[in-house]
Amino acid sequence: MAVWRCGKVDALLHHSDQGSQYTSEQFQLLLADNGISCPMSRAGNVSDHSAMESFFSSLRTRRTACKVYRSRDDARADVSDCIERFYNPRRRHSKLAYLSPMEFEARAMLA
C-alpha cells in the first residue's frame, strides 16, 4: 500500500514477524524489487516491533474480528479503508509524539 500511495521512496521498512508469508522467497523478492527493508522480530519477541504489533492487534479486535467478509477483495477494501480513513490521518500515536502517521510524515518531510 505504501508503494502504491507514495511511489518508490529512498527508505521504507516493512515490519513483520517470522511468518512463512513474510519469509517466503517471493515476498522477499517483491520487497527487494521495491527497495524495502524487512527487519523481523525474533521468534516469540513481539516487543521488537511493538508499534506494529499494537496496530495489528487493534485492527483485529476493533475492525475485522466482528465482521464476516464475502470475499478477499471485500476484506482488503475494508482494511484499506480503516488504514486510509482512520489510522493514518487521525489516530494519534505515543511513539510519534502524539501525532497521526500523516502528520508525523508531513513534519519529517519539512525537516
PDB file of N, CA and C in Angstrom:
ATOM      1  N   MET A   1       0.820  -1.178   0.000  1.00  0.00           N
ATOM      2  CA  MET A   1       0.000   0.000   0.000  1.00  0.00           C
ATOM      3  C   MET A   1       0.872   1.254   0.000  1.00  0.00           C
ATOM      4  N   ALA A   2       1.971   1.253   0.756  1.00  0.00           N
ATOM      5  CA  ALA A   2       2.833   2.430   0.818  1.00  0.00           C
ATOM      6  C   ALA A   2       3.464   2.724  -0.533  1.00  0.00           C
ATOM      7  N   VAL A   3       3.886   1.700  -1.252  1.00  0.00           N
ATOM      8  CA  VAL A   3       4.481   1.899  -2.574  1.00  0.00           C
ATOM      9  C   VAL A   3       3.418   2.425  -3.530  1.00  0.00           C
ATOM     10  N   TRP A   4       2.220   1.888  -3.434  1.00  0.00           N
ATOM     11  CA  TRP A   4       1.129   2.345  -4.294  1.00  0.00           C
ATOM     12  C   TRP A   4       0.793   3.801  -4.003  1.00  0.00           C
ATOM     13  N   ARG A   5       0.750   4.162  -2.709  1.00  0.00           N
ATOM     14  CA  ARG A   5       0.348   5.510  -2.314  1.00  0.00           C
ATOM     15  C   ARG A   5       1.450   6.536  -2.542  1.00  0.00           C
ATOM     16  N   CYS A   6       2.694   6.183  -2.226  1.00  0.00           N
ATOM     17  CA  CYS A   6       3.787   7.161  -2.243  1.00  0.00           C
ATOM     18  C   CYS A   6       4.764   6.973  -3.391  1.00  0.00           C
ATOM     19  N   GLY A   7       4.674   5.857  -4.093  1.00  0.00           N
ATOM     20  CA  GLY A   7       5.686   5.561  -5.102  1.00  0.00           C
ATOM     21  C   GLY A   7       6.933   5.021  -4.432  1.00  0.00           C
ATOM     22  N   LYS A   8       7.950   4.780  -5.214  1.00  0.00           N
ATOM     23  CA  LYS A   8       9.202   4.246  -4.671  1.00  0.00           C
ATOM     24  C   LYS A   8       9.914   5.346  -3.899  1.00  0.00           C
ATOM     25  N   VAL A   9      10.331   5.041  -2.681  1.00  0.00           N
ATOM     26  CA  VAL A   9      10.991   6.026  -1.829  1.00  0.00           C
ATOM     27  C   VAL A   9      12.385   5.543  -1.473  1.00  0.00           C
ATOM     28  N   ASP A  10      13.175   6.449  -0.890  1.00  0.00           N
ATOM     29  CA  ASP A  10      14.555   6.108  -0.537  1.00  0.00           C
ATOM     30  C   ASP A  10      14.643   5.085   0.588  1.00  0.00           C
ATOM     31  N   ALA A  11      13.787   5.226   1.579  1.00  0.00           N
ATOM     32  CA  ALA A  11      13.870   4.338   2.735  1.00  0.00           C
ATOM     33  C   ALA A  11      12.468   3.949   3.186  1.00  0.00           C
ATOM     34  N   LEU A  12      12.191   2.662   3.143  1.00  0.00           N
ATOM     35  CA  LEU A  12      10.895   2.169   3.577  1.00  0.00           C
ATOM     36  C   LEU A  12      11.108   0.851   4.301  1.00  0.00           C
ATOM     37  N   LEU A  13      10.445   0.694   5.432  1.00  0.00           N
ATOM     38  CA  LEU A  13      10.538  -0.536   6.221  1.00  0.00           C
ATOM     39  C   LEU A  13       9.215  -1.280   6.179  1.00  0.00           C
ATOM     40  N   HIS A  14       9.296  -2.592   6.138  1.00  0.00           N
ATOM     41  CA  HIS A  14       8.121  -3.443   6.296  1.00  0.00           C
ATOM     42  C   HIS A  14       8.366  -4.260   7.554  1.00  0.00           C
ATOM     43  N   HIS A  15       7.701  -3.890   8.639  1.00  0.00           N
ATOM     44  CA  HIS A  15       7.872  -4.620   9.899  1.00  0.00           C
ATOM     45  C   HIS A  15       7.039  -5.888   9.853  1.00  0.00           C
ATOM     46  N   SER A  16       7.647  -6.994  10.230  1.00  0.00           N
ATOM     47  CA  SER A  16       6.897  -8.243  10.246  1.00  0.00           C
ATOM     48  C   SER A  16       7.490  -9.193  11.275  1.00  0.00           C
ATOM     49  N   ASP A  17       6.745 -10.248  11.507  1.00  0.00           N
ATOM     50  CA  ASP A  17       7.286 -11.332  12.317  1.00  0.00           C
ATOM     51  C   ASP A  17       7.921 -12.342  11.355  1.00  0.00           C
ATOM     52  N   GLN A  18       8.222 -13.516  11.852  1.00  0.00           N
ATOM     53  CA  GLN A  18       8.883 -14.514  11.013  1.00  0.00           C
ATOM     54  C   GLN A  18       7.898 -15.498  10.388  1.00  0.00           C
ATOM     55  N   GLY A  19       6.693 -15.044  10.130  1.00  0.00           N
ATOM     56  CA  GLY A  19       5.694 -15.898   9.495  1.00  0.00           C
ATOM     57  C   GLY A  19       6.128 -16.314   8.101  1.00  0.00           C
ATOM     58  N   SER A  20       5.675 -17.474   7.675  1.00  0.00           N
ATOM     59  CA  SER A  20       6.103 -18.019   6.386  1.00  0.00           C
ATOM     60  C   SER A  20       5.719 -17.108   5.225  1.00  0.00           C
ATOM     61  N   GLN A  21       4.603 -16.381   5.353  1.00  0.00           N
ATOM     62  CA  GLN A  21       4.217 -15.488   4.259  1.00  0.00           C
ATOM     63  C   GLN A  21       5.229 -14.362   4.087  1.00  0.00           C
ATOM     64  N   TYR A  22       5.913 -13.948   5.167  1.00  0.00           N
ATOM     65  CA  TYR A  22       6.877 -12.857   5.091  1.00  0.00           C
ATOM     66  C   TYR A  22       8.289 -13.335   4.771  1.00  0.00           C
ATOM     67  N   THR A  23       8.593 -14.562   5.114  1.00  0.00           N
ATOM     68  CA  THR A  23       9.941 -15.073   4.857  1.00  0.00           C
ATOM     69  C   THR A  23      10.050 -15.768   3.510  1.00  0.00           C
ATOM     70  N   SER A  24       8.946 -15.916   2.806  1.00  0.00           N
ATOM     71  CA  SER A  24       8.978 -16.610   1.516  1.00  0.00           C
ATOM     72  C   SER A  24       9.867 -15.863   0.524  1.00  0.00           C
ATOM     73  N   GLU A  25      10.480 -16.605  -0.353  1.00  0.00           N
ATOM     74  CA  GLU A  25      11.366 -16.018  -1.355  1.00  0.00           C
ATOM     75  C   GLU A  25      10.608 -15.027  -2.240  1.00  0.00           C
ATOM     76  N   GLN A  26       9.392 -15.367  -2.625  1.00  0.00           N
ATOM     77  CA  GLN A  26       8.596 -14.499  -3.496  1.00  0.00           C
ATOM     78  C   GLN A  26       8.325 -13.144  -2.823  1.00  0.00           C
ATOM     79  N   PHE A  27       7.950 -13.167  -1.549  1.00  0.00           N
ATOM     80  CA  PHE A  27       7.658 -11.920  -0.840  1.00  0.00           C
ATOM     81  C   PHE A  27       8.924 -11.104  -0.647  1.00  0.00           C
ATOM     82  N   GLN A  28      10.014 -11.764  -0.274  1.00  0.00           N
ATOM     83  CA  GLN A  28      11.279 -11.060  -0.077  1.00  0.00           C
ATOM     84  C   GLN A  28      11.773 -10.421  -1.377  1.00  0.00           C
ATOM     85  N   LEU A  29      11.569 -11.097  -2.513  1.00  0.00           N
ATOM     86  CA  LEU A  29      11.944 -10.518  -3.809  1.00  0.00           C
ATOM     87  C   LEU A  29      11.083  -9.294  -4.132  1.00  0.00           C
ATOM     88  N   LEU A  30       9.797  -9.359  -3.821  1.00  0.00           N
ATOM     89  CA  LEU A  30       8.904  -8.226  -4.036  1.00  0.00           C
ATOM     90  C   LEU A  30       9.390  -7.016  -3.237  1.00  0.00           C
ATOM     91  N   LEU A  31       9.751  -7.236  -1.978  1.00  0.00           N
ATOM     92  CA  LEU A  31      10.263  -6.143  -1.160  1.00  0.00           C
ATOM     93  C   LEU A  31      11.558  -5.594  -1.740  1.00  0.00           C
ATOM     94  N   ALA A  32      12.483  -6.468  -2.088  1.00  0.00           N
ATOM     95  CA  ALA A  32      13.767  -6.043  -2.636  1.00  0.00           C
ATOM     96  C   ALA A  32      13.594  -5.255  -3.932  1.00  0.00           C
ATOM     97  N   ASP A  33      12.691  -5.698  -4.789  1.00  0.00           N
ATOM     98  CA  ASP A  33      12.438  -5.004  -6.059  1.00  0.00           C
ATOM     99  C   ASP A  33      11.930  -3.583  -5.844  1.00  0.00           C
ATOM    100  N   ASN A  34      11.296  -3.336  -4.708  1.00  0.00           N
ATOM    101  CA  ASN A  34      10.772  -2.007  -4.400  1.00  0.00           C
ATOM    102  C   ASN A  34      11.633  -1.248  -3.401  1.00  0.00           C
ATOM    103  N   GLY A  35      12.831  -1.774  -3.098  1.00  0.00           N
ATOM    104  CA  GLY A  35      13.755  -1.096  -2.202  1.00  0.00           C
ATOM    105  C   GLY A  35      13.293  -1.034  -0.763  1.00  0.00           C
ATOM    106  N   ILE A  36      12.566  -2.067  -0.329  1.00  0.00           N
ATOM    107  CA  ILE A  36      12.007  -2.082   1.025  1.00  0.00           C
ATOM    108  C   ILE A  36      12.819  -3.025   1.914  1.00  0.00           C
ATOM    109  N   SER A  37      13.259  -2.528   3.078  1.00  0.00           N
ATOM    110  CA  SER A  37      13.929  -3.408   4.043  1.00  0.00           C
ATOM    111  C   SER A  37      12.880  -4.094   4.890  1.00  0.00           C
ATOM    112  N   CYS A  38      13.244  -5.277   5.379  1.00  0.00           N
ATOM    113  CA  CYS A  38      12.274  -6.065   6.135  1.00  0.00           C
ATOM    114  C   CYS A  38      12.899  -6.617   7.411  1.00  0.00           C
ATOM    115  N   PRO A  39      13.063  -5.756   8.439  1.00  0.00           N
ATOM    116  CA  PRO A  39      13.542  -6.297   9.702  1.00  0.00           C
ATOM    117  C   PRO A  39      12.459  -7.174  10.318  1.00  0.00           C
ATOM    118  N   MET A  40      12.860  -8.242  10.963  1.00  0.00           N
ATOM    119  CA  MET A  40      11.866  -9.151  11.553  1.00  0.00           C
ATOM    120  C   MET A  40      12.106  -9.312  13.041  1.00  0.00           C
ATOM    121  N   SER A  41      11.009  -9.457  13.752  1.00  0.00           N
ATOM    122  CA  SER A  41      11.101  -9.767  15.169  1.00  0.00           C
ATOM    123  C   SER A  41      11.749 -11.135  15.337  1.00  0.00           C
ATOM    124  N   ARG A  42      12.446 -11.289  16.434  1.00  0.00           N
ATOM    125  CA  ARG A  42      12.923 -12.629  16.768  1.00  0.00           C
ATOM    126  C   ARG A  42      11.721 -13.473  17.147  1.00  0.00           C
ATOM    127  N   ALA A  43      11.846 -14.749  16.969  1.00  0.00           N
ATOM    128  CA  ALA A  43      10.737 -15.652  17.291  1.00  0.00           C
ATOM    129  C   ALA A  43      10.293 -15.445  18.736  1.00  0.00           C
ATOM    130  N   GLY A  44       9.008 -15.196  18.919  1.00  0.00           N
ATOM    131  CA  GLY A  44       8.433 -15.047  20.253  1.00  0.00           C
ATOM    132  C   GLY A  44       8.727 -13.727  20.927  1.00  0.00           C
ATOM    133  N   ASN A  45       9.316 -12.751  20.220  1.00  0.00           N
ATOM    134  CA  ASN A  45       9.665 -11.486  20.849  1.00  0.00           C
ATOM    135  C   ASN A  45       8.911 -10.352  20.168  1.00  0.00           C
ATOM    136  N   VAL A  46       7.681 -10.123  20.588  1.00  0.00           N
ATOM    137  CA  VAL A  46       6.845  -9.112  19.952  1.00  0.00           C
ATOM    138  C   VAL A  46       7.282  -7.697  20.279  1.00  0.00           C
ATOM    139  N   SER A  47       8.083  -7.498  21.321  1.00  0.00           N
ATOM    140  CA  SER A  47       8.486  -6.140  21.689  1.00  0.00           C
ATOM    141  C   SER A  47       9.430  -5.525  20.672  1.00  0.00           C
ATOM    142  N   ASP A  48      10.043  -6.333  19.787  1.00  0.00           N
ATOM    143  CA  ASP A  48      10.919  -5.771  18.758  1.00  0.00           C
ATOM    144  C   ASP A  48      10.170  -4.776  17.887  1.00  0.00           C
ATOM    145  N   HIS A  49       8.922  -5.034  17.619  1.00  0.00           N
ATOM    146  CA  HIS A  49       8.118  -4.166  16.764  1.00  0.00           C
ATOM    147  C   HIS A  49       6.780  -3.886  17.447  1.00  0.00           C
ATOM    148  N   SER A  50       6.859  -3.353  18.659  1.00  0.00           N
ATOM    149  CA  SER A  50       5.660  -3.204  19.469  1.00  0.00           C
ATOM    150  C   SER A  50       4.619  -2.296  18.830  1.00  0.00           C
ATOM    151  N   ALA A  51       5.041  -1.262  18.115  1.00  0.00           N
ATOM    152  CA  ALA A  51       4.052  -0.379  17.475  1.00  0.00           C
ATOM    153  C   ALA A  51       3.261  -1.135  16.414  1.00  0.00           C
ATOM    154  N   MET A  52       3.922  -1.964  15.632  1.00  0.00           N
ATOM    155  CA  MET A  52       3.231  -2.729  14.595  1.00  0.00           C
ATOM    156  C   MET A  52       2.359  -3.810  15.217  1.00  0.00           C
ATOM    157  N   GLU A  53       2.859  -4.457  16.255  1.00  0.00           N
ATOM    158  CA  GLU A  53       2.064  -5.468  16.943  1.00  0.00           C
ATOM    159  C   GLU A  53       0.789  -4.829  17.503  1.00  0.00           C
ATOM    160  N   SER A  54       0.918  -3.623  18.050  1.00  0.00           N
ATOM    161  CA  SER A  54      -0.241  -2.917  18.592  1.00  0.00           C
ATOM    162  C   SER A  54      -1.238  -2.586  17.481  1.00  0.00           C
ATOM    163  N   PHE A  55      -0.723  -2.136  16.334  1.00  0.00           N
ATOM    164  CA  PHE A  55      -1.597  -1.824  15.205  1.00  0.00           C
ATOM    165  C   PHE A  55      -2.392  -3.053  14.767  1.00  0.00           C
ATOM    166  N   PHE A  56      -1.696  -4.172  14.561  1.00  0.00           N
ATOM    167  CA  PHE A  56      -2.390  -5.367  14.078  1.00  0.00           C
ATOM    168  C   PHE A  56      -3.372  -5.905  15.118  1.00  0.00           C
ATOM    169  N   SER A  57      -3.032  -5.784  16.389  1.00  0.00           N
ATOM    170  CA  SER A  57      -3.951  -6.205  17.438  1.00  0.00           C
ATOM    171  C   SER A  57      -5.219  -5.348  17.407  1.00  0.00           C
ATOM    172  N   SER A  58      -5.047  -4.042  17.290  1.00  0.00           N
ATOM    173  CA  SER A  58      -6.212  -3.146  17.220  1.00  0.00           C
ATOM    174  C   SER A  58      -7.043  -3.419  15.976  1.00  0.00           C
ATOM    175  N   LEU A  59      -6.386  -3.632  14.864  1.00  0.00           N
ATOM    176  CA  LEU A  59      -7.104  -3.911  13.619  1.00  0.00           C
ATOM    177  C   LEU A  59      -7.949  -5.168  13.765  1.00  0.00           C
ATOM    178  N   ARG A  60      -7.363  -6.202  14.347  1.00  0.00           N
ATOM    179  CA  ARG A  60      -8.108  -7.466  14.521  1.00  0.00           C
ATOM    180  C   ARG A  60      -9.268  -7.299  15.490  1.00  0.00           C
ATOM    181  N   THR A  61      -9.015  -6.708  16.650  1.00  0.00           N
ATOM    182  CA  THR A  61     -10.061  -6.666  17.677  1.00  0.00           C
ATOM    183  C   THR A  61     -11.128  -5.624  17.407  1.00  0.00           C
ATOM    184  N   ARG A  62     -10.758  -4.502  16.815  1.00  0.00           N
ATOM    185  CA  ARG A  62     -11.727  -3.419  16.616  1.00  0.00           C
ATOM    186  C   ARG A  62     -12.360  -3.399  15.235  1.00  0.00           C
ATOM    187  N   ARG A  63     -11.772  -4.074  14.270  1.00  0.00           N
ATOM    188  CA  ARG A  63     -12.303  -3.950  12.917  1.00  0.00           C
ATOM    189  C   ARG A  63     -12.679  -5.297  12.313  1.00  0.00           C
ATOM    190  N   THR A  64     -11.759  -6.218  12.239  1.00  0.00           N
ATOM    191  CA  THR A  64     -12.009  -7.426  11.445  1.00  0.00           C
ATOM    192  C   THR A  64     -12.657  -8.562  12.225  1.00  0.00           C
ATOM    193  N   ALA A  65     -12.474  -8.615  13.540  1.00  0.00           N
ATOM    194  CA  ALA A  65     -12.995  -9.745  14.313  1.00  0.00           C
ATOM    195  C   ALA A  65     -14.522  -9.792  14.322  1.00  0.00           C
ATOM    196  N   CYS A  66     -15.157  -8.648  14.197  1.00  0.00           N
ATOM    197  CA  CYS A  66     -16.613  -8.613  14.279  1.00  0.00           C
ATOM    198  C   CYS A  66     -17.274  -8.583  12.902  1.00  0.00           C
ATOM    199  N   LYS A  67     -16.519  -8.864  11.869  1.00  0.00           N
ATOM    200  CA  LYS A  67     -17.084  -8.830  10.512  1.00  0.00           C
ATOM    201  C   LYS A  67     -16.893 -10.159   9.808  1.00  0.00           C
ATOM    202  N   VAL A  68     -17.792 -10.437   8.914  1.00  0.00           N
ATOM    203  CA  VAL A  68     -17.660 -11.599   8.026  1.00  0.00           C
ATOM    204  C   VAL A  68     -17.579 -11.031   6.615  1.00  0.00           C
ATOM    205  N   TYR A  69     -16.490 -11.308   5.945  1.00  0.00           N
ATOM    206  CA  TYR A  69     -16.278 -10.782   4.607  1.00  0.00           C
ATOM    207  C   TYR A  69     -16.734 -11.800   3.570  1.00  0.00           C
ATOM    208  N   ARG A  70     -17.370 -11.323   2.533  1.00  0.00           N
ATOM    209  CA  ARG A  70     -17.868 -12.210   1.479  1.00  0.00           C
ATOM    210  C   ARG A  70     -16.747 -12.653   0.555  1.00  0.00           C
ATOM    211  N   SER A  71     -15.696 -11.850   0.471  1.00  0.00           N
ATOM    212  CA  SER A  71     -14.582 -12.192  -0.410  1.00  0.00           C
ATOM    213  C   SER A  71     -13.298 -11.561   0.120  1.00  0.00           C
ATOM    214  N   ARG A  72     -12.199 -11.996  -0.412  1.00  0.00           N
ATOM    215  CA  ARG A  72     -10.905 -11.420  -0.046  1.00  0.00           C
ATOM    216  C   ARG A  72     -10.850  -9.949  -0.453  1.00  0.00           C
ATOM    217  N   ASP A  73     -11.454  -9.628  -1.602  1.00  0.00           N
ATOM    218  CA  ASP A  73     -11.487  -8.232  -2.047  1.00  0.00           C
ATOM    219  C   ASP A  73     -12.268  -7.352  -1.080  1.00  0.00           C
ATOM    220  N   ASP A  74     -13.362  -7.863  -0.534  1.00  0.00           N
ATOM    221  CA  ASP A  74     -14.131  -7.103   0.463  1.00  0.00           C
ATOM    222  C   ASP A  74     -13.293  -6.859   1.718  1.00  0.00           C
ATOM    223  N   ALA A  75     -12.571  -7.870   2.151  1.00  0.00           N
ATOM    224  CA  ALA A  75     -11.707  -7.723   3.336  1.00  0.00           C
ATOM    225  C   ALA A  75     -10.604  -6.707   3.060  1.00  0.00           C
ATOM    226  N   ARG A  76      -9.983  -6.817   1.906  1.00  0.00           N
ATOM    227  CA  ARG A  76      -8.908  -5.894   1.534  1.00  0.00           C
ATOM    228  C   ARG A  76      -9.432  -4.457   1.494  1.00  0.00           C
ATOM    229  N   ALA A  77     -10.600  -4.242   0.911  1.00  0.00           N
ATOM    230  CA  ALA A  77     -11.171  -2.900   0.825  1.00  0.00           C
ATOM    231  C   ALA A  77     -11.484  -2.342   2.208  1.00  0.00           C
ATOM    232  N   ASP A  78     -12.014  -3.177   3.100  1.00  0.00           N
ATOM    233  CA  ASP A  78     -12.351  -2.724   4.443  1.00  0.00           C
ATOM    234  C   ASP A  78     -11.105  -2.356   5.242  1.00  0.00           C
ATOM    235  N   VAL A  79     -10.081  -3.185   5.171  1.00  0.00           N
ATOM    236  CA  VAL A  79      -8.836  -2.899   5.893  1.00  0.00           C
ATOM    237  C   VAL A  79      -8.181  -1.640   5.317  1.00  0.00           C
ATOM    238  N   SER A  80      -8.168  -1.504   4.001  1.00  0.00           N
ATOM    239  CA  SER A  80      -7.603  -0.298   3.378  1.00  0.00           C
ATOM    240  C   SER A  80      -8.359   0.941   3.823  1.00  0.00           C
ATOM    241  N   ASP A  81      -9.679   0.846   3.876  1.00  0.00           N
ATOM    242  CA  ASP A  81     -10.499   1.955   4.326  1.00  0.00           C
ATOM    243  C   ASP A  81     -10.151   2.342   5.761  1.00  0.00           C
ATOM    244  N   CYS A  82      -9.995   1.359   6.611  1.00  0.00           N
ATOM    245  CA  CYS A  82      -9.645   1.608   8.009  1.00  0.00           C
ATOM    246  C   CYS A  82      -8.299   2.329   8.113  1.00  0.00           C
ATOM    247  N   ILE A  83      -7.325   1.863   7.357  1.00  0.00           N
ATOM    248  CA  ILE A  83      -5.988   2.466   7.406  1.00  0.00           C
ATOM    249  C   ILE A  83      -6.003   3.869   6.819  1.00  0.00           C
ATOM    250  N   GLU A  84      -6.583   4.030   5.649  1.00  0.00           N
ATOM    251  CA  GLU A  84      -6.521   5.311   4.939  1.00  0.00           C
ATOM    252  C   GLU A  84      -7.450   6.384   5.492  1.00  0.00           C
ATOM    253  N   ARG A  85      -8.590   5.988   6.073  1.00  0.00           N
ATOM    254  CA  ARG A  85      -9.539   6.998   6.552  1.00  0.00           C
ATOM    255  C   ARG A  85      -9.500   7.236   8.054  1.00  0.00           C
ATOM    256  N   PHE A  86      -8.939   6.286   8.815  1.00  0.00           N
ATOM    257  CA  PHE A  86      -8.863   6.486  10.263  1.00  0.00           C
ATOM    258  C   PHE A  86      -7.429   6.436  10.775  1.00  0.00           C
ATOM    259  N   TYR A  87      -6.775   5.309  10.562  1.00  0.00           N
ATOM    260  CA  TYR A  87      -5.488   5.079  11.218  1.00  0.00           C
ATOM    261  C   TYR A  87      -4.427   6.098  10.799  1.00  0.00           C
ATOM    262  N   ASN A  88      -4.187   6.261   9.513  1.00  0.00           N
ATOM    263  CA  ASN A  88      -3.133   7.174   9.063  1.00  0.00           C
ATOM    264  C   ASN A  88      -3.456   8.654   9.287  1.00  0.00           C
ATOM    265  N   PRO A  89      -4.659   9.122   8.959  1.00  0.00           N
ATOM    266  CA  PRO A  89      -4.881  10.560   9.103  1.00  0.00           C
ATOM    267  C   PRO A  89      -5.293  11.031  10.496  1.00  0.00           C
ATOM    268  N   ARG A  90      -5.898  10.166  11.324  1.00  0.00           N
ATOM    269  CA  ARG A  90      -6.481  10.668  12.573  1.00  0.00           C
ATOM    270  C   ARG A  90      -5.930  10.059  13.851  1.00  0.00           C
ATOM    271  N   ARG A  91      -5.592   8.791  13.857  1.00  0.00           N
ATOM    272  CA  ARG A  91      -5.212   8.143  15.115  1.00  0.00           C
ATOM    273  C   ARG A  91      -3.849   8.639  15.591  1.00  0.00           C
ATOM    274  N   ARG A  92      -3.799   9.150  16.787  1.00  0.00           N
ATOM    275  CA  ARG A  92      -2.559   9.690  17.351  1.00  0.00           C
ATOM    276  C   ARG A  92      -1.765   8.562  18.008  1.00  0.00           C
ATOM    277  N   HIS A  93      -0.446   8.671  17.944  1.00  0.00           N
ATOM    278  CA  HIS A  93       0.434   7.608  18.434  1.00  0.00           C
ATOM    279  C   HIS A  93       1.465   8.159  19.399  1.00  0.00           C
ATOM    280  N   SER A  94       1.595   7.519  20.541  1.00  0.00           N
ATOM    281  CA  SER A  94       2.603   7.965  21.505  1.00  0.00           C
ATOM    282  C   SER A  94       4.014   7.828  20.935  1.00  0.00           C
ATOM    283  N   LYS A  95       4.253   6.823  20.110  1.00  0.00           N
ATOM    284  CA  LYS A  95       5.580   6.629  19.504  1.00  0.00           C
ATOM    285  C   LYS A  95       5.919   7.735  18.514  1.00  0.00           C
ATOM    286  N   LEU A  96       4.905   8.495  18.060  1.00  0.00           N
ATOM    287  CA  LEU A  96       5.119   9.574  17.091  1.00  0.00           C
ATOM    288  C   LEU A  96       4.843  10.938  17.725  1.00  0.00           C
ATOM    289  N   ALA A  97       5.152  11.067  19.012  1.00  0.00           N
ATOM    290  CA  ALA A  97       4.935  12.320  19.748  1.00  0.00           C
ATOM    291  C   ALA A  97       3.467  12.754  19.685  1.00  0.00           C
ATOM    292  N   TYR A  98       2.579  11.784  19.740  1.00  0.00           N
ATOM    293  CA  TYR A  98       1.131  12.010  19.734  1.00  0.00           C
ATOM    294  C   TYR A  98       0.640  12.729  18.469  1.00  0.00           C
ATOM    295  N   LEU A  99       1.285  12.414  17.353  1.00  0.00           N
ATOM    296  CA  LEU A  99       0.835  12.876  16.041  1.00  0.00           C
ATOM    297  C   LEU A  99       0.262  11.686  15.294  1.00  0.00           C
ATOM    298  N   SER A 100      -0.575  11.963  14.307  1.00  0.00           N
ATOM    299  CA  SER A 100      -1.039  10.872  13.438  1.00  0.00           C
ATOM    300  C   SER A 100       0.119  10.520  12.488  1.00  0.00           C
ATOM    301  N   PRO A 101       0.101   9.329  11.893  1.00  0.00           N
ATOM    302  CA  PRO A 101       1.165   8.994  10.945  1.00  0.00           C
ATOM    303  C   PRO A 101       1.310  10.019   9.816  1.00  0.00           C
ATOM    304  N   MET A 102       0.198  10.552   9.306  1.00  0.00           N
ATOM    305  CA  MET A 102       0.293  11.539   8.226  1.00  0.00           C
ATOM    306  C   MET A 102       0.903  12.850   8.712  1.00  0.00           C
ATOM    307  N   GLU A 103       0.538  13.278   9.918  1.00  0.00           N
ATOM    308  CA  GLU A 103       1.134  14.498  10.474  1.00  0.00           C
ATOM    309  C   GLU A 103       2.629  14.310  10.708  1.00  0.00           C
ATOM    310  N   PHE A 104       2.997  13.157  11.252  1.00  0.00           N
ATOM    311  CA  PHE A 104       4.403  12.871  11.515  1.00  0.00           C
ATOM    312  C   PHE A 104       5.207  12.868  10.222  1.00  0.00           C
ATOM    313  N   GLU A 105       4.665  12.224   9.188  1.00  0.00           N
ATOM    314  CA  GLU A 105       5.342  12.149   7.895  1.00  0.00           C
ATOM    315  C   GLU A 105       5.483  13.540   7.278  1.00  0.00           C
ATOM    316  N   ALA A 106       4.442  14.352   7.354  1.00  0.00           N
ATOM    317  CA  ALA A 106       4.499  15.716   6.805  1.00  0.00           C
ATOM    318  C   ALA A 106       5.564  16.548   7.513  1.00  0.00           C
ATOM    319  N   ARG A 107       5.626  16.457   8.824  1.00  0.00           N
ATOM    320  CA  ARG A 107       6.634  17.214   9.578  1.00  0.00           C
ATOM    321  C   ARG A 107       8.046  16.715   9.280  1.00  0.00           C
ATOM    322  N   ALA A 108       8.185  15.398   9.102  1.00  0.00           N
ATOM    323  CA  ALA A 108       9.508  14.837   8.799  1.00  0.00           C
ATOM    324  C   ALA A 108      10.000  15.326   7.425  1.00  0.00           C
ATOM    325  N   MET A 109       9.096  15.526   6.485  1.00  0.00           N
ATOM    326  CA  MET A 109       9.483  15.985   5.147  1.00  0.00           C
ATOM    327  C   MET A 109       9.903  17.453   5.176  1.00  0.00           C
ATOM    328  N   LEU A 110       9.392  18.219   6.135  1.00  0.00           N
ATOM    329  CA  LEU A 110       9.758  19.632   6.252  1.00  0.00           C
ATOM    330  C   LEU A 110      11.103  19.823   6.923  1.00  0.00           C
ATOM    331  N   ALA A 111      11.505  18.841   7.708  1.00  0.00           N
ATOM    332  CA  ALA A 111      12.769  18.966   8.477  1.00  0.00           C
ATOM    333  C   ALA A 111      13.982  18.776   7.603  1.00  0.00           C
TER     334      ALA A 111
END
